[in-house]
Amino acid sequence: MTSELAGLIARRIALAGPISLADFMAEALGHPRLGYYRRAAPLGAAGDFTTAPEISQMFGELVGAWLADRWQAMGRPAPVRLVELGPGRGTLMADALRATRGVAGFHAAIDLHLVETNEPLRAAQRAALSSVRPTWHERFDGVPAGPLLLVANEFFDALPVRQFHRTPRGWVERMVGLAADGSLRLALAPGITPFSALLGDAPPGAEAEISEAGRSLAAAIGARIGRDGGWALIVDYGVPEAGRAASLQAVRGHRGADILDRPGETDLSAHVDFTALAAAAGVPCFGPVSQGDFLRRLGIERRAAVLKERAPAVQRRAIDAALARLIGPDQMGTLFRVLAVGDTRSAAPAGFAEPPSDAT
């Protein structure tokens, strides 16, 4: 099946030649009129995926506690730019703010900024966060200067990736071209990629991915923290060998799909290379650790027990199911990972047992 955007991409390729998967992702997800994140309502049962904040209030509450702790460790700056990248329906931030109402001075210091391109989601965020009057931006670089607290949950996985295949003659890039019938198809570029130096050596048949957009954003966040102070919390899915495999996938209606099928109507995402993000940030980083370990260290099991104390039986079962989904090793607990990017002016953050990586 095809889509209007597929036709536009096909015409572009017919005129100018094959494009990278990164260029295809950028169009499929971010086209000004037809891009998936410009027009779709992707969250929930009626959408294509469900995120941790939509599973349970516990996730946003603990993230809020972590952010408030970082603000105190920074010396309680006012104002502090509280930023969320890709805030969904505003659920995470609403839960975080509700959970931190008792932190003296925190809410008075907050200047809330949301990086969101989807107009329907902006409307949902406006309703969920009406009491705090956020400011919206198309890009992170639109956030004004000042001490920073940033959270990005399932944001980096949707940034464009290039994909590579190791042939006997060297690394070549996987491109999007046209089949004989004019439909989109994947093919390998004829020449060796200039990214070979970054990819290193590997046997023929190996696959790799690089997200230039992810590295660039991590570098911008790190530069901002290094200049103005602050902390960032990045939660996303990825495995230790992320970047050393072909992980790009497509989902439509909670089911897998072909990555080239109906661009603009299909979600695309790839595993996040946390090692590359930490290196690009250029400031001390903690983790990544598994989401399960992170949430346990922040006390999610104790929070679940408190919520269950006065809950009816059906709600207690729902809390148990949500807890298992967030921290279970066979669910989100292991696949999702957490990275903290911070400054050198405040104490180490909760949730991370390891010492900071030396990225400077």
Protein backbone atom coordinates (compact mmCIF):
# COMPACT_ATOMS: atom_id res chain seq x y z
CA MET A 1 0.00 0.00 0.00
CA THR A 2 1.09 3.57 -0.53
CA SER A 3 0.36 7.08 0.74
CA GLU A 4 0.44 10.64 -0.55
CA LEU A 5 3.83 11.17 1.07
CA ALA A 6 5.20 8.02 -0.59
CA GLY A 7 4.37 9.60 -3.93
CA LEU A 8 6.18 12.81 -3.01
CA ILE A 9 9.26 10.88 -1.86
CA ALA A 10 9.22 8.78 -5.04
CA ARG A 11 9.14 11.93 -7.19
CA ARG A 12 12.07 13.35 -5.22
CA ILE A 13 14.09 10.19 -5.83
CA ALA A 14 13.15 10.13 -9.53
CA LEU A 15 14.47 13.68 -9.90
CA ALA A 16 17.57 13.59 -7.67
CA GLY A 17 18.45 9.95 -7.09
CA PRO A 18 18.32 7.61 -4.07
CA ILE A 19 18.19 9.07 -0.57
CA SER A 20 19.54 7.81 2.75
CA LEU A 21 17.30 6.10 5.28
CA ALA A 22 17.91 9.12 7.50
CA ASP A 23 16.46 11.41 4.82
CA PHE A 24 13.54 9.03 4.38
CA MET A 25 12.86 9.00 8.14
CA ALA A 26 13.06 12.77 8.30
CA GLU A 27 10.41 13.05 5.60
CA ALA A 28 8.22 10.21 6.88
CA LEU A 29 8.12 11.54 10.43
CA GLY A 30 8.63 15.28 10.02
CA HIS A 31 7.25 16.43 6.66
CA PRO A 32 5.55 19.78 7.41
CA ARG A 33 2.13 18.62 6.22
CA LEU A 34 2.18 14.84 5.90
CA GLY A 35 4.80 13.69 8.43
CA TYR A 36 3.72 11.14 11.03
CA TYR A 37 4.62 13.33 14.01
CA ARG A 38 3.01 16.37 12.41
CA ARG A 39 -0.43 14.90 11.86
CA ALA A 40 -0.95 11.61 13.70
CA ALA A 41 -2.30 10.93 17.19
CA PRO A 42 0.17 8.13 17.86
CA LEU A 43 -0.36 7.35 21.56
CA GLY A 44 -2.69 4.93 23.27
CA ALA A 45 -4.94 2.08 22.16
CA ALA A 46 -6.16 4.03 19.12
CA GLY A 47 -2.61 4.98 18.11
CA ASP A 48 0.51 2.98 17.38
CA PHE A 49 2.31 2.73 20.74
CA THR A 50 1.97 3.27 24.48
CA THR A 51 4.69 4.96 26.55
CA ALA A 52 5.64 4.46 30.19
CA PRO A 53 3.80 7.56 31.50
CA GLU A 54 0.59 6.25 29.93
CA ILE A 55 1.04 2.90 31.68
CA SER A 56 1.19 4.27 35.22
CA GLN A 57 1.35 7.53 37.14
CA MET A 58 4.28 6.04 39.08
CA PHE A 59 6.67 6.65 36.20
CA GLY A 60 6.06 10.39 35.97
CA GLU A 61 5.94 10.77 39.75
CA LEU A 62 9.40 9.24 40.17
CA VAL A 63 10.84 11.24 37.28
CA GLY A 64 9.43 14.35 38.96
CA ALA A 65 11.10 13.44 42.24
CA TRP A 66 14.39 12.92 40.38
CA LEU A 67 14.12 16.33 38.70
CA ALA A 68 13.30 18.07 42.00
CA ASP A 69 16.29 16.39 43.64
CA ARG A 70 18.55 17.61 40.81
CA TRP A 71 17.19 21.14 41.22
CA GLN A 72 18.07 21.07 44.91
CA ALA A 73 21.51 19.64 44.15
CA MET A 74 22.08 22.51 41.69
CA GLY A 75 21.50 25.05 44.45
CA ARG A 76 17.80 25.73 43.74
CA PRO A 77 18.25 28.11 40.76
CA ALA A 78 15.33 30.36 39.85
CA PRO A 79 14.26 30.38 37.18
CA VAL A 80 15.16 26.89 35.98
CA ARG A 81 14.21 25.89 32.44
CA LEU A 82 12.24 22.65 32.82
CA VAL A 83 12.17 21.08 29.36
CA GLU A 84 10.51 17.98 27.98
CA LEU A 85 11.33 16.70 24.51
CA GLY A 86 8.33 15.00 22.88
CA PRO A 87 5.89 15.35 25.80
CA GLY A 88 3.15 13.15 24.34
CA ARG A 89 -0.17 14.07 25.91
CA GLY A 90 1.53 15.86 28.81
CA THR A 91 0.99 12.90 31.12
CA LEU A 92 4.57 12.54 32.35
CA MET A 93 4.92 16.23 33.13
CA ALA A 94 1.50 16.46 34.81
CA ASP A 95 2.38 13.51 37.07
CA ALA A 96 5.83 14.93 37.77
CA LEU A 97 4.45 18.31 38.80
CA ARG A 98 1.72 16.79 40.94
CA ALA A 99 4.27 14.67 42.78
CA THR A 100 6.56 17.65 43.51
CA ARG A 101 4.02 20.16 44.83
CA GLY A 102 5.46 19.75 48.32
CA VAL A 103 9.05 20.60 47.32
CA ALA A 104 9.49 24.09 48.73
CA GLY A 105 10.21 26.67 46.03
CA PHE A 106 10.41 24.21 43.14
CA HIS A 107 7.22 25.11 41.30
CA ALA A 108 7.84 28.82 41.77
CA ALA A 109 11.24 28.39 40.09
CA ILE A 110 10.01 26.38 37.10
CA ASP A 111 9.83 27.90 33.63
CA LEU A 112 8.28 25.07 31.58
CA HIS A 113 9.22 24.52 27.93
CA LEU A 114 7.90 21.75 25.68
CA VAL A 115 9.54 20.71 22.41
CA GLU A 116 6.66 19.41 20.28
CA THR A 117 5.79 19.61 16.57
CA ASN A 118 2.42 17.83 16.65
CA GLU A 119 -0.51 20.25 16.91
CA PRO A 120 -3.07 17.71 18.25
CA LEU A 121 -0.60 16.70 20.96
CA ARG A 122 0.08 20.34 21.79
CA ALA A 123 -3.64 20.72 22.43
CA ALA A 124 -3.59 17.72 24.78
CA GLN A 125 -0.54 19.13 26.58
CA ARG A 126 -2.24 22.50 26.91
CA ALA A 127 -5.20 20.83 28.63
CA ALA A 128 -3.06 18.65 30.91
CA LEU A 129 -0.73 21.49 31.93
CA SER A 130 -3.03 24.51 31.86
CA SER A 131 -2.08 25.56 35.39
CA VAL A 132 1.60 26.04 34.54
CA ARG A 133 1.31 27.75 31.14
CA PRO A 134 4.13 26.09 29.19
CA THR A 135 5.93 27.57 26.19
CA TRP A 136 6.20 25.40 23.06
CA HIS A 137 9.12 25.08 20.66
CA GLU A 138 9.76 23.24 17.41
CA ARG A 139 13.37 22.53 18.41
CA PHE A 140 15.48 22.35 21.55
CA ASP A 141 17.62 25.28 20.44
CA GLY A 142 14.57 27.53 20.84
CA VAL A 143 14.64 27.11 24.63
CA PRO A 144 16.05 30.28 26.26
CA ALA A 145 19.36 30.23 28.13
CA GLY A 146 19.55 29.41 31.82
CA PRO A 147 19.96 26.45 34.19
CA LEU A 148 18.36 23.37 32.66
CA LEU A 149 16.34 20.37 33.80
CA LEU A 150 15.46 18.21 30.79
CA VAL A 151 13.64 14.92 30.32
CA ALA A 152 13.34 12.98 27.07
CA ASN A 153 11.27 9.81 27.24
CA GLU A 154 11.08 7.86 23.97
CA PHE A 155 12.31 10.80 21.93
CA PHE A 156 15.75 9.86 20.64
CA ASP A 157 14.49 6.58 19.14
CA ALA A 158 12.49 8.55 16.55
CA LEU A 159 15.43 10.64 15.32
CA PRO A 160 16.68 9.67 11.84
CA VAL A 161 19.35 7.00 11.45
CA ARG A 162 21.66 6.05 8.64
CA GLN A 163 22.05 2.32 8.10
CA PHE A 164 25.13 0.49 6.82
CA HIS A 165 26.03 -2.99 5.58
CA ARG A 166 29.54 -4.47 5.59
CA THR A 167 30.42 -6.00 2.23
CA PRO A 168 33.69 -7.77 1.35
CA ARG A 169 34.94 -4.48 -0.10
CA GLY A 170 33.95 -2.35 2.93
CA TRP A 171 31.05 -0.51 4.54
CA VAL A 172 28.29 0.69 2.20
CA GLU A 173 25.16 2.67 3.06
CA ARG A 174 21.65 1.33 2.66
CA MET A 175 19.61 3.75 0.56
CA VAL A 176 16.00 4.23 -0.50
CA GLY A 177 15.51 4.10 -4.25
CA LEU A 178 12.83 3.14 -6.75
CA ALA A 179 11.81 -0.28 -8.03
CA ALA A 180 10.95 -0.84 -11.67
CA ASP A 181 7.27 -0.21 -10.92
CA GLY A 182 8.06 3.13 -9.26
CA SER A 183 7.54 1.93 -5.69
CA LEU A 184 10.06 2.59 -2.93
CA ARG A 185 12.73 -0.04 -2.31
CA LEU A 186 15.91 -0.50 -0.31
CA ALA A 187 19.26 -0.90 -2.06
CA LEU A 188 22.94 -0.62 -1.21
CA ALA A 189 24.92 2.35 -2.47
CA PRO A 190 27.55 1.38 -5.05
CA GLY A 191 30.48 3.04 -3.30
CA ILE A 192 32.18 2.80 0.11
CA THR A 193 30.66 5.16 2.66
CA PRO A 194 32.66 8.08 4.06
CA PHE A 195 31.35 6.99 7.50
CA SER A 196 33.68 3.96 7.43
CA ALA A 197 36.11 5.53 9.90
CA LEU A 198 33.33 5.82 12.49
CA LEU A 199 32.10 2.28 11.91
CA GLY A 200 35.45 0.53 12.35
CA ASP A 201 36.22 -3.01 11.25
CA ALA A 202 33.65 -5.80 11.09
CA PRO A 203 33.19 -9.04 9.14
CA PRO A 204 31.17 -9.06 5.92
CA GLY A 205 27.45 -9.21 6.62
CA ALA A 206 27.62 -6.95 9.69
CA GLU A 207 25.09 -4.14 10.06
CA ALA A 208 25.37 -0.74 11.76
CA GLU A 209 23.41 2.45 12.37
CA ILE A 210 24.41 6.03 13.10
CA SER A 211 22.05 8.78 14.21
CA GLU A 212 23.68 12.07 13.31
CA ALA A 213 20.59 13.89 14.62
CA GLY A 214 20.81 12.07 17.97
CA ARG A 215 24.49 12.86 18.40
CA SER A 216 23.95 16.48 17.42
CA LEU A 217 21.12 16.91 19.93
CA ALA A 218 23.13 15.22 22.69
CA ALA A 219 26.02 17.58 21.92
CA ALA A 220 23.68 20.60 22.11
CA ILE A 221 22.26 19.43 25.45
CA GLY A 222 25.75 18.79 26.82
CA ALA A 223 27.00 22.19 25.65
CA ARG A 224 24.04 23.88 27.27
CA ILE A 225 24.59 22.05 30.57
CA GLY A 226 28.30 22.79 30.46
CA ARG A 227 27.59 26.49 29.99
CA ASP A 228 24.53 27.11 32.18
CA GLY A 229 24.46 24.10 34.51
CA GLY A 230 21.78 21.49 34.80
CA TRP A 231 20.79 17.88 34.22
CA ALA A 232 19.11 15.83 31.52
CA LEU A 233 17.41 12.45 31.86
CA ILE A 234 17.14 10.35 28.70
CA VAL A 235 14.92 7.24 28.76
CA ASP A 236 14.59 5.12 25.65
CA TYR A 237 14.93 1.65 24.29
CA GLY A 238 18.26 0.29 23.29
CA VAL A 239 20.62 -2.58 23.94
CA PRO A 240 24.34 -2.49 24.83
CA GLU A 241 25.27 -3.24 21.22
CA ALA A 242 22.95 -0.56 19.80
CA GLY A 243 24.54 0.99 16.73
CA ARG A 244 26.11 -2.33 15.77
CA ALA A 245 22.98 -3.80 14.23
CA ALA A 246 20.09 -2.84 11.95
CA SER A 247 17.31 -2.00 14.40
CA LEU A 248 15.10 0.40 12.42
CA GLN A 249 11.50 -0.79 12.69
CA ALA A 250 8.01 0.34 11.73
CA VAL A 251 4.77 0.08 13.73
CA ARG A 252 1.24 0.87 12.64
CA GLY A 253 -1.78 0.09 14.80
CA HIS A 254 0.42 -1.63 17.42
CA ARG A 255 1.65 -4.08 14.76
CA GLY A 256 4.89 -4.38 12.86
CA ALA A 257 4.99 -3.02 9.33
CA ASP A 258 7.44 -2.61 6.46
CA ILE A 259 9.57 0.49 7.04
CA LEU A 260 8.81 1.81 3.53
CA ASP A 261 5.07 1.13 3.67
CA ARG A 262 2.75 4.16 3.85
CA PRO A 263 5.26 6.78 5.05
CA GLY A 264 3.57 9.48 7.09
CA GLU A 265 1.06 6.96 8.43
CA THR A 266 3.57 4.63 10.12
CA ASP A 267 5.78 5.10 13.16
CA LEU A 268 9.52 4.57 12.63
CA SER A 269 12.05 4.09 15.40
CA ALA A 270 15.47 2.61 16.08
CA HIS A 271 17.38 1.48 19.14
CA VAL A 272 19.25 4.33 20.81
CA ASP A 273 23.05 4.16 20.94
CA PHE A 274 23.56 5.49 24.47
CA THR A 275 27.33 5.14 24.23
CA ALA A 276 27.34 7.51 21.25
CA LEU A 277 25.04 9.97 23.04
CA ALA A 278 27.26 10.04 26.14
CA ALA A 279 30.36 10.63 24.03
CA ALA A 280 28.66 13.40 22.06
CA ALA A 281 27.39 15.16 25.21
CA GLY A 282 30.94 16.01 26.25
CA VAL A 283 30.04 16.34 29.95
CA PRO A 284 29.84 13.72 32.73
CA CYS A 285 27.20 11.07 32.13
CA PHE A 286 25.76 8.41 34.43
CA GLY A 287 24.57 5.09 33.06
CA PRO A 288 23.00 3.88 31.01
CA VAL A 289 21.23 1.60 33.46
CA SER A 290 18.15 -0.48 32.83
CA GLN A 291 14.80 1.20 33.40
CA GLY A 292 13.97 -1.53 35.89
CA ASP A 293 17.04 -0.85 38.01
CA PHE A 294 16.56 2.91 37.79
CA LEU A 295 12.94 2.82 38.92
CA ARG A 296 13.65 0.32 41.70
CA ARG A 297 16.41 2.56 43.07
CA LEU A 298 13.98 5.48 43.05
CA GLY A 299 11.46 3.44 45.07
CA ILE A 300 8.81 2.37 42.57
CA GLU A 301 7.99 -0.78 44.53
CA ARG A 302 7.36 1.25 47.68
CA ARG A 303 5.24 3.69 45.70
CA ALA A 304 3.18 0.82 44.27
CA ALA A 305 2.60 -0.54 47.78
CA VAL A 306 1.34 2.86 48.97
CA LEU A 307 -1.03 3.17 46.00
CA LYS A 308 -2.41 -0.31 46.69
CA GLU A 309 -3.15 0.31 50.38
CA ARG A 310 -6.55 1.92 49.82
CA ALA A 311 -7.26 0.65 46.33
CA PRO A 312 -10.01 -1.86 45.48
CA ALA A 313 -8.96 -5.30 44.32
CA VAL A 314 -9.30 -4.57 40.61
CA GLN A 315 -7.14 -1.47 40.93
CA ARG A 316 -4.53 -3.35 42.98
CA ARG A 317 -4.23 -5.87 40.16
CA ALA A 318 -3.85 -3.03 37.65
CA ILE A 319 -1.06 -1.48 39.75
CA ASP A 320 0.74 -4.82 39.92
CA ALA A 321 0.41 -5.25 36.15
CA ALA A 322 1.73 -1.75 35.49
CA LEU A 323 4.65 -2.30 37.85
CA ALA A 324 5.56 -5.55 36.11
CA ARG A 325 5.38 -3.86 32.73
CA LEU A 326 7.64 -0.98 33.78
CA ILE A 327 10.35 -2.96 35.58
CA GLY A 328 9.96 -6.60 34.51
CA PRO A 329 13.05 -8.01 32.75
CA ASP A 330 10.82 -9.56 30.09
CA GLN A 331 9.00 -6.29 29.44
CA MET A 332 10.23 -2.67 29.59
CA GLY A 333 12.58 -3.18 32.54
CA THR A 334 15.55 -4.39 30.50
CA LEU A 335 14.91 -3.15 26.97
CA PHE A 336 14.52 0.45 28.11
CA ARG A 337 17.61 2.20 29.41
CA VAL A 338 18.26 5.44 31.27
CA LEU A 339 21.12 7.93 30.87
CA ALA A 340 21.74 11.03 32.99
CA VAL A 341 23.71 13.92 31.53
CA GLY A 342 24.90 16.38 34.17
CA ASP A 343 27.24 19.10 35.25
CA THR A 344 30.19 18.96 37.60
CA ARG A 345 28.69 21.45 40.05
CA SER A 346 26.27 19.15 41.90
CA ALA A 347 26.27 15.76 43.60
CA ALA A 348 25.73 12.48 41.79
CA PRO A 349 22.10 11.65 40.90
CA ALA A 350 19.88 8.99 42.42
CA GLY A 351 19.12 5.88 40.39
CA PHE A 352 22.67 5.28 39.11
CA ALA A 353 25.02 3.00 40.97
CA GLU A 354 27.91 3.41 38.56
CA PRO A 355 30.44 6.28 38.70
CA PRO A 356 30.15 8.87 35.94
CA SER A 357 31.70 8.18 32.57
CA ASP A 358 34.57 10.52 31.73
CA ALA A 359 33.27 12.14 28.56
CA THR A 360 35.20 15.37 28.94
